Amino acid sequence: MQHFLYFCALFWRSKKIIHPFLMKNIAVYCASSSQVRQVYYDEAYRLGQLFAREHIGVVYGDGGIGLMGSLARGVLSEKGEITGVIPQFMVDEGWNNPASTRTIVVQTMHERKARIAEMADGMVALPGGIGTFEELLECLTWKQLGLHTKPVVILNTEGYYDHLLLAIDHMVEEKFIRPVHREMYSVVRRVEDVLPALLNTKPWDKATRRDAAI
């Protein structure tokens, strides 16, 4: 069986596609706000269900409310695995999610982001606030610098990320980044399109770091 999986992996990699059994965990960045419209909660829940049904684990910030809570409930509703990574000070505030399959407690926000990125085979950003934007942009910065080559997908529910995407276009127009840097991520509007976008993402070469400077 191990030999079969090995050759299958080679086959899929040769076609520059990542097969689901090679994606053990996906990092999901999303909000903890409990004041947003219901559509955002619903899409987070459905995304959690989708990953669980495909036997893909989810790694997230271990929040029990907002989109993070909905994501976790969606995963668990389908008997999936969800791992939360959270700093000790947030645990002290009672912000962790006791329902997570597994919780990893770290000391700092920096450790939290690094651990989530290390554990993940790909990243997905749902709508969120400043923290979610910061997580998304940091993982894109790391990709720009060749520190990882993992697929990054933005779930643009209700056009939430339209303004950020326009800002990135403006960065390109003003020559702060190169046009190739728009290829570091994929944008989809439907939950059903997230996994295909992860699996069929354009390969990213670490050597592209030479293009980080412009």
N, C-alpha and C. Protein backbone atom coordinates (compact mmCIF):
# COMPACT_ATOMS: atom_id res chain seq x y z
N MET A 1 0.83 -1.21 0.00
CA MET A 1 0.00 0.00 0.00
C MET A 1 0.86 1.26 0.00
N GLN A 2 1.94 1.24 0.77
CA GLN A 2 2.82 2.41 0.83
C GLN A 2 3.42 2.69 -0.54
N HIS A 3 3.81 1.61 -1.26
CA HIS A 3 4.38 1.80 -2.58
C HIS A 3 3.34 2.39 -3.54
N PHE A 4 2.10 1.93 -3.41
CA PHE A 4 1.03 2.45 -4.26
C PHE A 4 0.85 3.95 -4.05
N LEU A 5 0.78 4.36 -2.77
CA LEU A 5 0.61 5.78 -2.47
C LEU A 5 1.79 6.59 -2.95
N TYR A 6 2.99 6.03 -2.84
CA TYR A 6 4.19 6.74 -3.28
C TYR A 6 4.12 7.03 -4.78
N PHE A 7 3.77 6.00 -5.57
CA PHE A 7 3.72 6.19 -7.01
C PHE A 7 2.56 7.08 -7.43
N CYS A 8 1.46 6.98 -6.69
CA CYS A 8 0.35 7.89 -6.97
C CYS A 8 0.76 9.33 -6.72
N ALA A 9 1.51 9.53 -5.62
CA ALA A 9 1.97 10.88 -5.30
C ALA A 9 2.87 11.42 -6.40
N LEU A 10 3.78 10.57 -6.89
CA LEU A 10 4.64 11.00 -7.98
C LEU A 10 3.83 11.36 -9.22
N PHE A 11 2.81 10.54 -9.50
CA PHE A 11 1.98 10.80 -10.67
C PHE A 11 1.30 12.16 -10.56
N TRP A 12 0.66 12.39 -9.43
CA TRP A 12 -0.07 13.64 -9.29
C TRP A 12 0.87 14.84 -9.27
N ARG A 13 2.04 14.70 -8.62
CA ARG A 13 2.98 15.81 -8.60
C ARG A 13 3.52 16.10 -10.00
N SER A 14 3.71 15.02 -10.79
CA SER A 14 4.19 15.23 -12.14
C SER A 14 3.21 16.06 -12.96
N LYS A 15 1.91 15.99 -12.60
CA LYS A 15 0.90 16.79 -13.27
C LYS A 15 0.68 18.12 -12.55
N LYS A 16 1.52 18.40 -11.56
CA LYS A 16 1.45 19.64 -10.81
C LYS A 16 0.11 19.81 -10.11
N ILE A 17 -0.46 18.68 -9.68
CA ILE A 17 -1.70 18.70 -8.91
C ILE A 17 -1.45 17.99 -7.60
N ILE A 18 -2.02 18.52 -6.52
CA ILE A 18 -1.90 17.87 -5.23
C ILE A 18 -3.16 17.06 -5.00
N HIS A 19 -3.03 15.76 -4.87
CA HIS A 19 -4.20 14.91 -4.64
C HIS A 19 -4.65 15.05 -3.19
N PRO A 20 -5.95 14.90 -2.92
CA PRO A 20 -6.45 15.06 -1.55
C PRO A 20 -5.69 14.27 -0.51
N PHE A 21 -5.23 13.00 -0.83
CA PHE A 21 -4.59 12.24 0.24
C PHE A 21 -3.21 12.80 0.59
N LEU A 22 -2.70 13.75 -0.21
CA LEU A 22 -1.44 14.41 0.13
C LEU A 22 -1.69 15.66 0.98
N MET A 23 -2.95 16.07 1.12
CA MET A 23 -3.29 17.24 1.92
C MET A 23 -3.91 16.76 3.22
N LYS A 24 -3.07 16.62 4.22
CA LYS A 24 -3.55 16.11 5.49
C LYS A 24 -4.24 17.18 6.33
N ASN A 25 -3.72 18.39 6.26
CA ASN A 25 -4.26 19.49 7.07
C ASN A 25 -4.30 20.78 6.27
N ILE A 26 -5.37 21.53 6.46
CA ILE A 26 -5.51 22.85 5.84
C ILE A 26 -5.66 23.88 6.96
N ALA A 27 -4.88 24.94 6.88
CA ALA A 27 -5.03 26.05 7.82
C ALA A 27 -6.19 26.93 7.35
N VAL A 28 -7.04 27.31 8.27
CA VAL A 28 -8.14 28.22 7.95
C VAL A 28 -8.04 29.44 8.85
N TYR A 29 -7.95 30.59 8.22
CA TYR A 29 -7.92 31.87 8.93
C TYR A 29 -9.30 32.50 8.83
N CYS A 30 -9.87 32.89 9.97
CA CYS A 30 -11.20 33.51 9.94
C CYS A 30 -11.47 34.25 11.23
N ALA A 31 -12.62 34.92 11.26
CA ALA A 31 -12.93 35.85 12.34
C ALA A 31 -13.50 35.19 13.59
N SER A 32 -13.37 35.91 14.69
CA SER A 32 -14.01 35.48 15.94
C SER A 32 -15.20 36.38 16.28
N SER A 33 -15.49 37.37 15.43
CA SER A 33 -16.61 38.29 15.69
C SER A 33 -17.93 37.54 15.74
N SER A 34 -18.76 37.92 16.69
CA SER A 34 -20.09 37.30 16.82
C SER A 34 -21.18 38.25 16.35
N GLN A 35 -20.81 39.30 15.60
CA GLN A 35 -21.78 40.31 15.19
C GLN A 35 -21.99 40.36 13.69
N VAL A 36 -21.42 39.42 12.94
CA VAL A 36 -21.46 39.51 11.49
C VAL A 36 -22.74 38.85 10.93
N ARG A 37 -22.98 39.02 9.63
CA ARG A 37 -24.17 38.47 9.00
C ARG A 37 -24.13 36.94 8.97
N GLN A 38 -25.30 36.33 8.98
CA GLN A 38 -25.43 34.88 9.07
C GLN A 38 -24.75 34.16 7.91
N VAL A 39 -24.71 34.77 6.73
CA VAL A 39 -24.12 34.11 5.58
C VAL A 39 -22.67 33.73 5.83
N TYR A 40 -21.95 34.54 6.60
CA TYR A 40 -20.54 34.25 6.88
C TYR A 40 -20.40 33.03 7.80
N TYR A 41 -21.28 32.94 8.80
CA TYR A 41 -21.27 31.76 9.67
C TYR A 41 -21.61 30.50 8.87
N ASP A 42 -22.61 30.62 8.01
CA ASP A 42 -23.06 29.46 7.24
C ASP A 42 -21.95 28.93 6.34
N GLU A 43 -21.22 29.83 5.68
CA GLU A 43 -20.17 29.40 4.77
C GLU A 43 -19.00 28.79 5.53
N ALA A 44 -18.69 29.31 6.70
CA ALA A 44 -17.62 28.72 7.51
C ALA A 44 -18.01 27.30 7.95
N TYR A 45 -19.26 27.13 8.34
CA TYR A 45 -19.76 25.81 8.75
C TYR A 45 -19.67 24.83 7.59
N ARG A 46 -20.09 25.26 6.41
CA ARG A 46 -20.08 24.37 5.25
C ARG A 46 -18.65 24.01 4.84
N LEU A 47 -17.73 24.95 4.99
CA LEU A 47 -16.34 24.65 4.66
C LEU A 47 -15.79 23.59 5.61
N GLY A 48 -16.12 23.71 6.89
CA GLY A 48 -15.70 22.69 7.85
C GLY A 48 -16.25 21.33 7.50
N GLN A 49 -17.51 21.27 7.10
CA GLN A 49 -18.11 20.01 6.68
C GLN A 49 -17.40 19.43 5.46
N LEU A 50 -17.10 20.29 4.50
CA LEU A 50 -16.45 19.85 3.26
C LEU A 50 -15.11 19.19 3.55
N PHE A 51 -14.28 19.83 4.36
CA PHE A 51 -12.97 19.26 4.66
C PHE A 51 -13.11 17.94 5.42
N ALA A 52 -14.04 17.89 6.37
CA ALA A 52 -14.22 16.67 7.15
C ALA A 52 -14.66 15.51 6.25
N ARG A 53 -15.55 15.78 5.32
CA ARG A 53 -16.03 14.73 4.42
C ARG A 53 -14.90 14.20 3.53
N GLU A 54 -13.92 15.06 3.24
CA GLU A 54 -12.78 14.65 2.42
C GLU A 54 -11.63 14.10 3.27
N HIS A 55 -11.88 13.95 4.58
CA HIS A 55 -10.88 13.42 5.51
C HIS A 55 -9.63 14.30 5.55
N ILE A 56 -9.84 15.60 5.46
CA ILE A 56 -8.77 16.58 5.57
C ILE A 56 -8.92 17.29 6.90
N GLY A 57 -7.85 17.28 7.70
CA GLY A 57 -7.90 17.96 8.99
C GLY A 57 -7.83 19.46 8.83
N VAL A 58 -8.38 20.16 9.80
CA VAL A 58 -8.36 21.62 9.81
C VAL A 58 -7.51 22.10 10.98
N VAL A 59 -6.67 23.10 10.71
CA VAL A 59 -5.89 23.76 11.75
C VAL A 59 -6.34 25.21 11.80
N TYR A 60 -6.65 25.70 13.00
CA TYR A 60 -7.16 27.07 13.09
C TYR A 60 -6.75 27.66 14.43
N GLY A 61 -7.27 28.86 14.71
CA GLY A 61 -6.84 29.58 15.91
C GLY A 61 -7.51 29.20 17.21
N ASP A 62 -8.35 28.16 17.20
CA ASP A 62 -8.96 27.58 18.41
C ASP A 62 -10.01 28.47 19.06
N GLY A 63 -10.59 29.37 18.28
CA GLY A 63 -11.67 30.18 18.83
C GLY A 63 -12.98 29.43 18.85
N GLY A 64 -13.81 29.71 19.86
CA GLY A 64 -15.07 29.00 20.00
C GLY A 64 -16.28 29.80 19.53
N ILE A 65 -16.07 31.05 19.11
CA ILE A 65 -17.18 31.90 18.68
C ILE A 65 -16.89 32.43 17.28
N GLY A 66 -17.87 33.12 16.71
CA GLY A 66 -17.69 33.71 15.39
C GLY A 66 -17.53 32.65 14.32
N LEU A 67 -16.84 33.02 13.25
CA LEU A 67 -16.63 32.09 12.15
C LEU A 67 -15.77 30.91 12.59
N MET A 68 -14.84 31.16 13.53
CA MET A 68 -14.01 30.06 14.02
C MET A 68 -14.86 28.99 14.69
N GLY A 69 -15.82 29.43 15.49
CA GLY A 69 -16.70 28.47 16.14
C GLY A 69 -17.56 27.72 15.14
N SER A 70 -18.07 28.44 14.13
CA SER A 70 -18.88 27.79 13.09
C SER A 70 -18.06 26.79 12.29
N LEU A 71 -16.84 27.17 11.95
CA LEU A 71 -15.94 26.26 11.23
C LEU A 71 -15.75 24.97 12.02
N ALA A 72 -15.46 25.11 13.31
CA ALA A 72 -15.22 23.94 14.16
C ALA A 72 -16.46 23.06 14.25
N ARG A 73 -17.63 23.68 14.40
CA ARG A 73 -18.86 22.90 14.49
C ARG A 73 -19.13 22.15 13.19
N GLY A 74 -18.81 22.78 12.06
CA GLY A 74 -18.98 22.11 10.78
C GLY A 74 -18.09 20.89 10.66
N VAL A 75 -16.82 21.04 11.07
CA VAL A 75 -15.90 19.90 11.04
C VAL A 75 -16.41 18.77 11.92
N LEU A 76 -16.76 19.11 13.14
CA LEU A 76 -17.15 18.09 14.12
C LEU A 76 -18.48 17.43 13.77
N SER A 77 -19.34 18.15 13.05
CA SER A 77 -20.63 17.57 12.66
C SER A 77 -20.46 16.39 11.72
N GLU A 78 -19.31 16.34 11.04
CA GLU A 78 -19.01 15.25 10.11
C GLU A 78 -17.90 14.34 10.65
N LYS A 79 -17.69 14.39 11.99
CA LYS A 79 -16.70 13.54 12.65
C LYS A 79 -15.28 13.81 12.16
N GLY A 80 -15.01 15.06 11.78
CA GLY A 80 -13.68 15.41 11.30
C GLY A 80 -12.74 15.79 12.43
N GLU A 81 -11.49 16.09 12.05
CA GLU A 81 -10.45 16.46 13.02
C GLU A 81 -10.14 17.95 12.88
N ILE A 82 -10.17 18.67 14.01
CA ILE A 82 -9.83 20.08 13.98
C ILE A 82 -8.87 20.40 15.12
N THR A 83 -7.74 20.97 14.78
CA THR A 83 -6.69 21.28 15.76
C THR A 83 -6.61 22.79 15.95
N GLY A 84 -6.72 23.21 17.19
CA GLY A 84 -6.61 24.63 17.51
C GLY A 84 -5.23 24.96 18.06
N VAL A 85 -4.69 26.09 17.62
CA VAL A 85 -3.40 26.58 18.13
C VAL A 85 -3.67 27.95 18.73
N ILE A 86 -3.35 28.11 20.00
CA ILE A 86 -3.75 29.33 20.71
C ILE A 86 -2.71 29.72 21.75
N PRO A 87 -2.44 31.02 21.90
CA PRO A 87 -1.49 31.47 22.93
C PRO A 87 -2.08 31.31 24.33
N GLN A 88 -1.19 31.17 25.30
CA GLN A 88 -1.62 30.98 26.68
C GLN A 88 -2.49 32.12 27.19
N PHE A 89 -2.18 33.36 26.79
CA PHE A 89 -2.95 34.49 27.33
C PHE A 89 -4.40 34.44 26.86
N MET A 90 -4.65 33.86 25.68
CA MET A 90 -6.02 33.71 25.22
C MET A 90 -6.75 32.60 25.98
N VAL A 91 -6.01 31.55 26.32
CA VAL A 91 -6.59 30.50 27.15
C VAL A 91 -6.97 31.08 28.51
N ASP A 92 -6.10 31.93 29.05
CA ASP A 92 -6.36 32.56 30.34
C ASP A 92 -7.63 33.41 30.30
N GLU A 93 -7.93 33.96 29.11
CA GLU A 93 -9.14 34.78 28.95
C GLU A 93 -10.38 33.92 28.66
N GLY A 94 -10.16 32.62 28.48
CA GLY A 94 -11.27 31.73 28.19
C GLY A 94 -11.72 31.77 26.74
N TRP A 95 -10.79 32.14 25.83
CA TRP A 95 -11.15 32.29 24.42
C TRP A 95 -10.93 31.00 23.62
N ASN A 96 -10.41 29.97 24.25
CA ASN A 96 -10.17 28.71 23.52
C ASN A 96 -11.47 27.94 23.32
N ASN A 97 -11.44 26.98 22.42
CA ASN A 97 -12.62 26.17 22.11
C ASN A 97 -12.45 24.77 22.69
N PRO A 98 -13.14 24.45 23.78
CA PRO A 98 -13.01 23.12 24.40
C PRO A 98 -13.43 21.98 23.48
N ALA A 99 -14.17 22.29 22.43
CA ALA A 99 -14.66 21.25 21.54
C ALA A 99 -13.62 20.83 20.50
N SER A 100 -12.53 21.58 20.36
CA SER A 100 -11.51 21.21 19.36
C SER A 100 -11.01 19.80 19.62
N THR A 101 -10.74 19.08 18.55
CA THR A 101 -10.23 17.71 18.68
C THR A 101 -8.91 17.71 19.44
N ARG A 102 -8.09 18.70 19.18
CA ARG A 102 -6.78 18.82 19.81
C ARG A 102 -6.46 20.30 19.95
N THR A 103 -5.87 20.67 21.07
CA THR A 103 -5.46 22.06 21.29
C THR A 103 -3.97 22.11 21.59
N ILE A 104 -3.28 22.99 20.89
CA ILE A 104 -1.85 23.23 21.12
C ILE A 104 -1.71 24.63 21.70
N VAL A 105 -1.18 24.73 22.90
CA VAL A 105 -1.01 26.01 23.57
C VAL A 105 0.43 26.48 23.38
N VAL A 106 0.57 27.69 22.85
CA VAL A 106 1.89 28.29 22.64
C VAL A 106 1.98 29.56 23.48
N GLN A 107 3.13 30.22 23.41
CA GLN A 107 3.33 31.39 24.26
C GLN A 107 3.02 32.71 23.57
N THR A 108 3.24 32.80 22.27
CA THR A 108 3.09 34.09 21.59
C THR A 108 2.25 33.94 20.32
N MET A 109 1.79 35.08 19.81
CA MET A 109 1.07 35.10 18.55
C MET A 109 1.97 34.65 17.40
N HIS A 110 3.24 35.03 17.48
CA HIS A 110 4.18 34.62 16.43
C HIS A 110 4.30 33.10 16.38
N GLU A 111 4.40 32.46 17.56
CA GLU A 111 4.47 31.00 17.60
C GLU A 111 3.19 30.38 17.04
N ARG A 112 2.09 30.98 17.37
CA ARG A 112 0.80 30.46 16.90
C ARG A 112 0.76 30.42 15.37
N LYS A 113 1.11 31.55 14.73
CA LYS A 113 1.06 31.62 13.27
C LYS A 113 2.07 30.67 12.63
N ALA A 114 3.25 30.60 13.21
CA ALA A 114 4.28 29.72 12.66
C ALA A 114 3.85 28.25 12.76
N ARG A 115 3.26 27.87 13.91
CA ARG A 115 2.85 26.48 14.10
C ARG A 115 1.73 26.11 13.13
N ILE A 116 0.76 27.01 12.98
CA ILE A 116 -0.34 26.73 12.05
C ILE A 116 0.19 26.55 10.64
N ALA A 117 1.09 27.43 10.22
CA ALA A 117 1.65 27.35 8.87
C ALA A 117 2.47 26.07 8.68
N GLU A 118 3.21 25.68 9.71
CA GLU A 118 4.04 24.47 9.62
C GLU A 118 3.17 23.22 9.46
N MET A 119 2.05 23.18 10.18
CA MET A 119 1.20 22.00 10.18
C MET A 119 0.37 21.86 8.90
N ALA A 120 0.19 22.96 8.19
CA ALA A 120 -0.75 22.98 7.07
C ALA A 120 -0.09 22.61 5.74
N ASP A 121 -0.88 21.98 4.88
CA ASP A 121 -0.47 21.70 3.51
C ASP A 121 -1.04 22.74 2.55
N GLY A 122 -1.85 23.63 3.07
CA GLY A 122 -2.43 24.72 2.30
C GLY A 122 -3.14 25.66 3.25
N MET A 123 -3.46 26.86 2.79
CA MET A 123 -4.11 27.86 3.62
C MET A 123 -5.35 28.41 2.94
N VAL A 124 -6.38 28.65 3.74
CA VAL A 124 -7.61 29.26 3.25
C VAL A 124 -7.97 30.42 4.15
N ALA A 125 -8.27 31.57 3.55
CA ALA A 125 -8.70 32.74 4.31
C ALA A 125 -10.18 32.98 4.08
N LEU A 126 -10.95 32.95 5.16
CA LEU A 126 -12.35 33.33 5.13
C LEU A 126 -12.44 34.81 5.51
N PRO A 127 -13.60 35.43 5.37
CA PRO A 127 -13.74 36.81 5.84
C PRO A 127 -13.35 36.94 7.31
N GLY A 128 -12.75 38.07 7.62
CA GLY A 128 -12.32 38.31 9.00
C GLY A 128 -11.88 39.75 9.18
N GLY A 129 -11.40 40.03 10.37
CA GLY A 129 -10.97 41.37 10.71
C GLY A 129 -9.48 41.57 10.54
N ILE A 130 -8.92 42.47 11.34
CA ILE A 130 -7.51 42.83 11.22
C ILE A 130 -6.62 41.60 11.40
N GLY A 131 -6.95 40.75 12.37
CA GLY A 131 -6.13 39.56 12.61
C GLY A 131 -6.12 38.62 11.43
N THR A 132 -7.28 38.40 10.82
CA THR A 132 -7.36 37.52 9.66
C THR A 132 -6.59 38.10 8.48
N PHE A 133 -6.72 39.41 8.25
CA PHE A 133 -5.97 40.06 7.18
C PHE A 133 -4.47 39.91 7.43
N GLU A 134 -4.09 40.09 8.69
CA GLU A 134 -2.65 40.00 9.02
C GLU A 134 -2.13 38.59 8.77
N GLU A 135 -2.91 37.58 9.14
CA GLU A 135 -2.50 36.19 8.91
C GLU A 135 -2.38 35.88 7.43
N LEU A 136 -3.38 36.31 6.66
CA LEU A 136 -3.35 36.09 5.21
C LEU A 136 -2.15 36.78 4.58
N LEU A 137 -1.95 38.04 4.90
CA LEU A 137 -0.87 38.79 4.27
C LEU A 137 0.50 38.28 4.71
N GLU A 138 0.59 37.80 5.94
CA GLU A 138 1.88 37.26 6.37
C GLU A 138 2.20 35.96 5.64
N CYS A 139 1.20 35.09 5.44
CA CYS A 139 1.50 33.85 4.74
C CYS A 139 1.80 34.13 3.27
N LEU A 140 1.24 35.19 2.70
CA LEU A 140 1.61 35.60 1.35
C LEU A 140 3.02 36.20 1.32
N THR A 141 3.38 36.93 2.35
CA THR A 141 4.74 37.47 2.44
C THR A 141 5.76 36.34 2.51
N TRP A 142 5.47 35.34 3.31
CA TRP A 142 6.38 34.18 3.42
C TRP A 142 6.49 33.46 2.08
N LYS A 143 5.38 33.38 1.36
CA LYS A 143 5.42 32.73 0.05
C LYS A 143 6.22 33.56 -0.94
N GLN A 144 6.04 34.86 -0.89
CA GLN A 144 6.80 35.77 -1.75
C GLN A 144 8.30 35.60 -1.54
N LEU A 145 8.68 35.36 -0.30
CA LEU A 145 10.09 35.20 0.06
C LEU A 145 10.59 33.76 -0.11
N GLY A 146 9.72 32.88 -0.58
CA GLY A 146 10.13 31.50 -0.80
C GLY A 146 10.26 30.67 0.47
N LEU A 147 9.64 31.14 1.57
CA LEU A 147 9.72 30.40 2.82
C LEU A 147 8.72 29.23 2.84
N HIS A 148 7.74 29.28 1.97
CA HIS A 148 6.87 28.13 1.74
C HIS A 148 6.34 28.22 0.32
N THR A 149 5.81 27.12 -0.19
CA THR A 149 5.25 27.08 -1.55
C THR A 149 3.83 26.53 -1.53
N LYS A 150 3.17 26.63 -0.41
CA LYS A 150 1.85 26.02 -0.24
C LYS A 150 0.76 26.85 -0.91
N PRO A 151 -0.31 26.18 -1.36
CA PRO A 151 -1.41 26.93 -1.98
C PRO A 151 -2.14 27.80 -0.96
N VAL A 152 -2.56 28.96 -1.43
CA VAL A 152 -3.31 29.91 -0.60
C VAL A 152 -4.59 30.25 -1.35
N VAL A 153 -5.73 30.07 -0.70
CA VAL A 153 -7.02 30.34 -1.33
C VAL A 153 -7.78 31.35 -0.49
N ILE A 154 -8.33 32.34 -1.16
CA ILE A 154 -9.17 33.34 -0.50
C ILE A 154 -10.63 33.03 -0.84
N LEU A 155 -11.43 32.76 0.18
CA LEU A 155 -12.86 32.54 -0.02
C LEU A 155 -13.55 33.91 0.08
N ASN A 156 -13.90 34.44 -1.07
CA ASN A 156 -14.41 35.81 -1.17
C ASN A 156 -15.93 35.84 -1.05
N THR A 157 -16.42 35.40 0.10
CA THR A 157 -17.86 35.35 0.34
C THR A 157 -18.48 36.74 0.24
N GLU A 158 -19.54 36.84 -0.57
CA GLU A 158 -20.27 38.11 -0.73
C GLU A 158 -19.35 39.25 -1.18
N GLY A 159 -18.24 38.92 -1.85
CA GLY A 159 -17.32 39.95 -2.31
C GLY A 159 -16.54 40.64 -1.19
N TYR A 160 -16.44 39.95 -0.03
CA TYR A 160 -15.83 40.58 1.14
C TYR A 160 -14.42 41.08 0.87
N TYR A 161 -13.65 40.34 0.09
CA TYR A 161 -12.24 40.69 -0.12
C TYR A 161 -12.03 41.56 -1.36
N ASP A 162 -13.09 42.04 -2.00
CA ASP A 162 -12.93 42.82 -3.23
C ASP A 162 -11.99 44.01 -3.05
N HIS A 163 -12.12 44.71 -1.95
CA HIS A 163 -11.31 45.92 -1.75
C HIS A 163 -9.83 45.56 -1.52
N LEU A 164 -9.59 44.46 -0.81
CA LEU A 164 -8.20 44.04 -0.61
C LEU A 164 -7.58 43.64 -1.95
N LEU A 165 -8.35 42.94 -2.78
CA LEU A 165 -7.83 42.51 -4.08
C LEU A 165 -7.55 43.71 -4.97
N LEU A 166 -8.40 44.74 -4.88
CA LEU A 166 -8.15 45.97 -5.62
C LEU A 166 -6.88 46.66 -5.11
N ALA A 167 -6.66 46.59 -3.79
CA ALA A 167 -5.45 47.18 -3.21
C ALA A 167 -4.20 46.47 -3.72
N ILE A 168 -4.27 45.14 -3.85
CA ILE A 168 -3.13 44.40 -4.39
C ILE A 168 -2.90 44.77 -5.85
N ASP A 169 -3.98 44.92 -6.61
CA ASP A 169 -3.83 45.37 -8.00
C ASP A 169 -3.15 46.74 -8.04
N HIS A 170 -3.51 47.60 -7.10
CA HIS A 170 -2.91 48.93 -7.04
C HIS A 170 -1.41 48.84 -6.71
N MET A 171 -1.05 47.91 -5.83
CA MET A 171 0.37 47.69 -5.53
C MET A 171 1.14 47.33 -6.79
N VAL A 172 0.52 46.47 -7.62
CA VAL A 172 1.17 46.07 -8.88
C VAL A 172 1.30 47.26 -9.81
N GLU A 173 0.20 48.02 -9.95
CA GLU A 173 0.21 49.18 -10.84
C GLU A 173 1.27 50.21 -10.43
N GLU A 174 1.45 50.37 -9.12
CA GLU A 174 2.42 51.34 -8.62
C GLU A 174 3.82 50.75 -8.46
N LYS A 175 3.96 49.46 -8.89
CA LYS A 175 5.25 48.78 -8.92
C LYS A 175 5.88 48.57 -7.53
N PHE A 176 5.01 48.33 -6.54
CA PHE A 176 5.51 47.92 -5.23
C PHE A 176 5.69 46.41 -5.19
N ILE A 177 4.92 45.68 -6.00
CA ILE A 177 5.10 44.24 -6.17
C ILE A 177 4.99 43.94 -7.66
N ARG A 178 5.39 42.74 -8.05
CA ARG A 178 5.36 42.34 -9.45
C ARG A 178 4.03 41.67 -9.80
N PRO A 179 3.64 41.69 -11.06
CA PRO A 179 2.41 40.98 -11.47
C PRO A 179 2.41 39.51 -11.07
N VAL A 180 3.60 38.86 -11.09
CA VAL A 180 3.67 37.44 -10.74
C VAL A 180 3.19 37.17 -9.32
N HIS A 181 3.25 38.16 -8.45
CA HIS A 181 2.85 37.95 -7.06
C HIS A 181 1.34 37.77 -6.91
N ARG A 182 0.58 38.14 -7.94
CA ARG A 182 -0.85 37.85 -7.90
C ARG A 182 -1.13 36.36 -8.11
N GLU A 183 -0.10 35.63 -8.52
CA GLU A 183 -0.25 34.19 -8.73
C GLU A 183 0.02 33.39 -7.45
N MET A 184 0.30 34.09 -6.36
CA MET A 184 0.56 33.40 -5.09
C MET A 184 -0.72 32.90 -4.45
N TYR A 185 -1.86 33.36 -4.92
CA TYR A 185 -3.13 32.99 -4.30
C TYR A 185 -4.20 32.78 -5.36
N SER A 186 -5.25 32.07 -4.98
CA SER A 186 -6.44 31.90 -5.81
C SER A 186 -7.62 32.50 -5.08
N VAL A 187 -8.59 32.98 -5.82
CA VAL A 187 -9.78 33.59 -5.23
C VAL A 187 -11.01 32.83 -5.73
N VAL A 188 -11.86 32.41 -4.80
CA VAL A 188 -13.12 31.75 -5.16
C VAL A 188 -14.24 32.39 -4.36
N ARG A 189 -15.46 32.23 -4.85
CA ARG A 189 -16.62 32.82 -4.17
C ARG A 189 -17.51 31.76 -3.52
N ARG A 190 -17.31 30.50 -3.86
CA ARG A 190 -18.16 29.43 -3.33
C ARG A 190 -17.34 28.42 -2.55
N VAL A 191 -17.91 27.91 -1.48
CA VAL A 191 -17.24 26.89 -0.66
C VAL A 191 -16.85 25.69 -1.52
N GLU A 192 -17.73 25.32 -2.46
CA GLU A 192 -17.48 24.15 -3.29
C GLU A 192 -16.24 24.29 -4.16
N ASP A 193 -15.79 25.52 -4.37
CA ASP A 193 -14.63 25.75 -5.23
C ASP A 193 -13.31 25.82 -4.47
N VAL A 194 -13.38 25.77 -3.14
CA VAL A 194 -12.16 25.90 -2.34
C VAL A 194 -11.20 24.74 -2.57
N LEU A 195 -11.70 23.51 -2.43
CA LEU A 195 -10.82 22.36 -2.56
C LEU A 195 -10.24 22.24 -3.98
N PRO A 196 -11.05 22.39 -5.05
CA PRO A 196 -10.44 22.38 -6.38
C PRO A 196 -9.36 23.44 -6.55
N ALA A 197 -9.56 24.62 -5.95
CA ALA A 197 -8.55 25.67 -6.05
C ALA A 197 -7.27 25.27 -5.32
N LEU A 198 -7.40 24.62 -4.17
CA LEU A 198 -6.23 24.15 -3.44
C LEU A 198 -5.48 23.09 -4.23
N LEU A 199 -6.24 22.17 -4.82
CA LEU A 199 -5.62 21.03 -5.50
C LEU A 199 -4.99 21.41 -6.83
N ASN A 200 -5.51 22.45 -7.48
CA ASN A 200 -5.04 22.81 -8.81
C ASN A 200 -4.28 24.12 -8.83
N THR A 201 -3.79 24.54 -7.68
CA THR A 201 -3.06 25.79 -7.62
C THR A 201 -1.80 25.73 -8.48
N LYS A 202 -1.42 26.86 -9.03
CA LYS A 202 -0.22 26.92 -9.84
C LYS A 202 1.01 26.71 -8.95
N PRO A 203 1.91 25.81 -9.32
CA PRO A 203 3.10 25.57 -8.49
C PRO A 203 3.90 26.85 -8.30
N TRP A 204 4.47 26.99 -7.12
CA TRP A 204 5.26 28.18 -6.78
C TRP A 204 6.70 27.75 -6.50
N ASP A 205 7.62 28.37 -7.16
CA ASP A 205 9.04 28.02 -7.06
C ASP A 205 9.71 28.90 -6.01
N LYS A 206 10.41 28.25 -5.05
CA LYS A 206 11.11 29.02 -4.03
C LYS A 206 12.11 30.00 -4.63
N ALA A 207 12.60 29.68 -5.82
CA ALA A 207 13.58 30.57 -6.48
C ALA A 207 12.95 31.92 -6.83
N THR A 208 11.61 31.98 -6.79
CA THR A 208 10.91 33.24 -7.10
C THR A 208 11.24 34.31 -6.08
N ARG A 209 11.88 33.94 -4.98
CA ARG A 209 12.24 34.95 -3.98
C ARG A 209 13.13 36.04 -4.58
N ARG A 210 13.83 35.71 -5.67
CA ARG A 210 14.67 36.74 -6.30
C ARG A 210 13.83 37.86 -6.88
N ASP A 211 12.50 37.58 -7.06
CA ASP A 211 11.60 38.60 -7.58
C ASP A 211 10.94 39.39 -6.45
N ALA A 212 11.27 39.06 -5.19
CA ALA A 212 10.65 39.76 -4.07
C ALA A 212 11.01 41.24 -4.09
N ALA A 213 12.25 41.52 -4.47
CA ALA A 213 12.67 42.92 -4.62
C ALA A 213 12.28 43.38 -6.01
N ILE A 214 11.89 44.65 -6.13
CA ILE A 214 11.43 45.17 -7.42
C ILE A 214 12.14 46.47 -7.73
